[in-house]
Amino acid sequence: MRHPNEASSKVQSQLTFPIIDYLRAKSEEKRRMKNVLGTELKACSYDPMTGVFRDGFCKYAEQDNGLHIVAAKVTEGFLEWNKARGNDLVTPKPQWSFPGLKPGDWWCVCMGVWLKSKEAGHPLYLKLEACHEKMLEYVSMETLKEWEYQD
C-alpha cells in the first residue's frame, strides 16, 4: 500500500518543473536583453511598475507597435503635453494595472513620443542602462549621452 504523500509528491513535482522551466526561461531572456551601452538591460521602474509587459523593463517586442523601449524620467511639462495630445498618463487606470504617473517617476516611454517630446520642448532624461539597445536604430549614442540622467 502506498503512503498518501507519495501521490501528492508526484503531482507536486509535475507542477514544480514547469514553473522552474518558466523562471529559467525568463532569466535567460533577461540575460539576452541588452541596453544601449551593450550590457545587460536593467529595470526602469518597479514602482510604478512599467514596461509593455508590466515587468519593470523597457523591453523590445515585435508586437509592441509603440516601441516602449525608452527609460525616461517624466516631468510635469511632459505629462501635461502628452495629456493634451490625448495620452493621459496621470489618471490611474486600474483595469490596466496603471497607477497614474507623477513628475519624477521613471517610465518606459514610446520611442516616437520621446523624440516628439524633445521637439515640443518637453525633453525627458534617460536611464541608459534601462534603455533597450533598439533605440540605437533611431538615435545616436552621442544624442543619448546628452540626455543621460545625472543625480
Protein backbone atom coordinates (compact mmCIF):
# COMPACT_ATOMS: atom_id res chain seq x y z
CA MET A 1 0.00 0.00 0.00
CA ARG A 2 1.26 3.48 -0.88
CA HIS A 3 1.76 6.23 1.58
CA PRO A 4 -0.78 9.07 0.98
CA ASN A 5 2.00 11.60 0.46
CA GLU A 6 3.51 9.67 -2.47
CA ALA A 7 0.75 10.70 -4.87
CA SER A 8 0.80 14.34 -3.81
CA SER A 9 4.59 14.37 -4.05
CA LYS A 10 4.41 13.16 -7.65
CA VAL A 11 1.76 15.76 -8.53
CA GLN A 12 3.77 18.47 -6.79
CA SER A 13 6.93 17.64 -8.77
CA GLN A 14 4.94 17.74 -12.02
CA LEU A 15 3.73 21.22 -11.12
CA THR A 16 7.10 22.44 -9.92
CA PHE A 17 9.13 21.67 -13.04
CA PRO A 18 7.10 23.82 -15.46
CA ILE A 19 7.37 26.73 -13.03
CA ILE A 20 11.13 26.26 -12.72
CA ASP A 21 11.44 25.97 -16.51
CA TYR A 22 9.42 29.16 -16.92
CA LEU A 23 11.59 31.05 -14.42
CA ARG A 24 14.77 29.81 -16.10
CA ALA A 25 13.47 30.93 -19.49
CA LYS A 26 12.61 34.39 -18.12
CA SER A 27 16.05 34.67 -16.53
CA GLU A 28 17.70 33.68 -19.82
CA GLU A 29 15.55 36.21 -21.69
CA LYS A 30 16.69 38.99 -19.35
CA ARG A 31 20.33 38.00 -19.83
CA ARG A 32 19.92 38.24 -23.61
CA MET A 33 18.30 41.70 -23.50
CA LYS A 34 20.90 44.42 -23.95
CA ASN A 35 20.78 48.13 -23.24
CA VAL A 36 22.17 50.97 -25.35
CA LEU A 37 25.51 50.58 -23.53
CA GLY A 38 25.80 46.97 -24.73
CA THR A 39 25.40 45.47 -21.26
CA GLU A 40 22.53 43.61 -19.61
CA LEU A 41 19.25 45.54 -19.69
CA LYS A 42 18.42 46.87 -16.21
CA ALA A 43 14.98 47.58 -14.79
CA CYS A 44 13.48 51.00 -15.41
CA SER A 45 10.99 51.00 -12.53
CA TYR A 46 9.07 48.63 -10.30
CA ASP A 47 7.16 51.47 -8.60
CA PRO A 48 5.31 52.39 -10.65
CA MET A 49 5.52 49.06 -12.49
CA THR A 50 6.40 49.91 -16.07
CA GLY A 51 7.13 48.22 -19.36
CA VAL A 52 4.88 46.92 -22.08
CA PHE A 53 4.72 43.63 -20.13
CA ARG A 54 4.43 45.42 -16.75
CA ASP A 55 7.61 43.70 -15.55
CA GLY A 56 9.70 46.82 -14.86
CA PHE A 57 11.77 46.59 -18.07
CA CYS A 58 11.73 48.62 -21.29
CA LYS A 59 11.95 45.52 -23.46
CA TYR A 60 11.70 45.38 -27.20
CA ALA A 61 8.91 43.16 -28.53
CA GLU A 62 7.81 42.84 -32.15
CA GLN A 63 4.14 43.06 -31.10
CA ASP A 64 4.75 46.41 -29.33
CA ASN A 65 3.92 48.91 -32.08
CA GLY A 66 4.68 51.80 -29.70
CA LEU A 67 8.27 50.70 -29.02
CA HIS A 68 8.18 51.24 -25.23
CA ILE A 69 11.98 50.98 -25.10
CA VAL A 70 12.91 54.37 -23.62
CA ALA A 71 13.56 54.52 -19.85
CA ALA A 72 12.71 58.15 -19.09
CA LYS A 73 12.08 60.30 -16.03
CA VAL A 74 8.77 62.07 -16.64
CA THR A 75 8.24 65.75 -15.88
CA GLU A 76 5.13 67.81 -15.20
CA GLY A 77 5.53 69.57 -18.56
CA PHE A 78 5.79 66.24 -20.39
CA LEU A 79 2.75 64.79 -18.62
CA GLU A 80 0.64 67.88 -19.44
CA TRP A 81 1.87 67.94 -23.07
CA ASN A 82 1.18 64.23 -23.51
CA LYS A 83 -2.31 64.55 -21.96
CA ALA A 84 -3.12 67.41 -24.34
CA ARG A 85 -2.14 65.06 -27.19
CA GLY A 86 -4.72 62.53 -25.96
CA ASN A 87 -2.47 60.25 -23.92
CA ASP A 88 -3.36 60.79 -20.26
CA LEU A 89 -0.59 59.22 -18.18
CA VAL A 90 -1.69 60.95 -14.97
CA THR A 91 -5.11 59.41 -14.33
CA PRO A 92 -4.97 55.92 -12.75
CA LYS A 93 -6.45 53.10 -14.83
CA PRO A 94 -6.66 50.08 -12.51
CA GLN A 95 -8.16 47.88 -15.23
CA TRP A 96 -4.77 48.12 -17.00
CA SER A 97 -2.68 47.92 -13.79
CA PHE A 98 -1.78 51.57 -14.36
CA PRO A 99 -1.40 53.72 -11.21
CA GLY A 100 -1.06 57.08 -12.97
CA LEU A 101 2.25 58.91 -13.15
CA LYS A 102 3.59 61.92 -11.31
CA PRO A 103 6.61 64.09 -12.10
CA GLY A 104 9.82 62.27 -11.23
CA ASP A 105 8.51 58.78 -12.00
CA TRP A 106 10.55 56.55 -14.29
CA TRP A 107 8.52 55.12 -17.17
CA CYS A 108 9.05 53.15 -20.38
CA VAL A 109 8.10 55.77 -22.96
CA CYS A 110 7.44 55.12 -26.65
CA MET A 111 10.40 55.88 -28.89
CA GLY A 112 8.38 58.25 -31.11
CA VAL A 113 6.86 60.04 -28.13
CA TRP A 114 10.31 60.66 -26.64
CA LEU A 115 11.53 62.17 -29.92
CA LYS A 116 8.40 64.35 -30.29
CA SER A 117 8.59 65.49 -26.66
CA LYS A 118 12.09 66.86 -27.29
CA GLU A 119 10.87 68.76 -30.36
CA ALA A 120 7.90 70.13 -28.36
CA GLY A 121 10.16 71.49 -25.62
CA HIS A 122 9.45 68.78 -23.05
CA PRO A 123 12.57 66.60 -23.20
CA LEU A 124 12.98 63.68 -20.83
CA TYR A 125 16.20 62.47 -19.27
CA LEU A 126 17.14 58.83 -19.67
CA LYS A 127 18.40 55.92 -17.59
CA LEU A 128 20.71 54.49 -20.27
CA GLU A 129 21.27 51.13 -18.58
CA ALA A 130 17.48 50.60 -18.77
CA CYS A 131 17.01 51.80 -22.39
CA HIS A 132 16.78 48.91 -24.84
CA GLU A 133 19.52 48.71 -27.49
CA LYS A 134 16.85 49.04 -30.22
CA MET A 135 16.98 52.80 -29.53
CA LEU A 136 20.31 52.93 -31.37
CA GLU A 137 18.45 52.24 -34.62
CA TYR A 138 16.73 55.64 -34.20
CA VAL A 139 19.15 57.82 -32.21
CA SER A 140 22.93 58.05 -31.97
CA MET A 141 24.78 57.18 -28.79
CA GLU A 142 26.07 60.75 -28.75
CA THR A 143 22.49 62.08 -28.56
CA LEU A 144 21.56 59.54 -25.89
CA LYS A 145 24.54 60.57 -23.75
CA GLU A 146 23.36 64.20 -23.95
CA TRP A 147 20.07 63.14 -22.34
CA GLU A 148 21.51 60.79 -19.71
CA TYR A 149 20.07 61.50 -16.26
CA GLN A 150 22.65 62.70 -13.73
CA ASP A 151 21.86 62.50 -10.00
